[in-house]
């Protein structure tokens, strides 16, 4: 069984190599250093 992954980051990260369904969770106003291919959720 393969579950989805949530990547939690402050935006200061390398390009992750996630080979399964995933989403990124970052602080409001932060930017990822790459173009996200999956959903990006921002929190306050």
Protein backbone atom coordinates (compact mmCIF):
# COMPACT_ATOMS: atom_id res chain seq x y z
CA UNK A 1 0.00 0.00 0.00
CA UNK A 2 1.38 3.42 -0.95
CA UNK A 3 0.12 6.48 0.88
CA UNK A 4 0.46 10.12 -0.14
CA UNK A 5 3.20 12.24 1.46
CA UNK A 6 2.99 15.78 2.86
CA UNK A 7 6.25 17.73 2.59
CA UNK A 8 6.39 20.39 5.34
CA UNK A 9 9.01 23.07 4.70
CA UNK A 10 9.80 26.72 5.31
CA UNK A 11 10.73 27.08 1.63
CA UNK A 12 14.48 26.91 2.21
CA UNK A 13 15.08 23.44 0.80
CA UNK A 14 16.64 21.51 -2.03
CA UNK A 15 14.47 20.03 -4.74
CA UNK A 16 12.81 16.99 -3.15
CA UNK A 17 12.76 13.71 -5.03
CA UNK A 18 9.36 12.36 -3.99
CA UNK A 19 8.27 9.49 -6.19
CA UNK A 20 4.69 9.20 -4.95
CA UNK A 21 1.65 11.45 -4.66
CA UNK A 22 2.55 14.42 -2.48
CA UNK A 23 1.66 17.96 -1.47
CA UNK A 24 3.80 20.77 -0.03
CA UNK A 25 2.87 22.71 3.10
CA UNK A 26 4.67 26.05 3.45
CA UNK A 27 4.18 29.26 5.47
CA UNK A 28 2.11 32.08 3.95
CA UNK A 29 4.40 34.37 1.95
CA UNK A 30 7.13 31.73 1.48
CA UNK A 31 8.14 30.46 -1.94
CA UNK A 32 9.49 27.13 -3.06
CA UNK A 33 12.84 27.18 -4.92
CA UNK A 34 11.33 25.02 -7.67
CA UNK A 35 8.13 24.72 -9.68
CA UNK A 36 5.76 22.48 -7.76
CA UNK A 37 4.14 19.69 -9.74
CA UNK A 38 1.62 18.92 -7.02
CA UNK A 39 -0.61 21.00 -4.78
CA UNK A 40 0.93 23.66 -2.53
CA UNK A 41 -0.88 24.61 0.68
CA UNK A 42 0.01 27.75 2.63
CA UNK A 43 -0.65 28.28 6.34
CA UNK A 44 -0.63 31.44 8.45
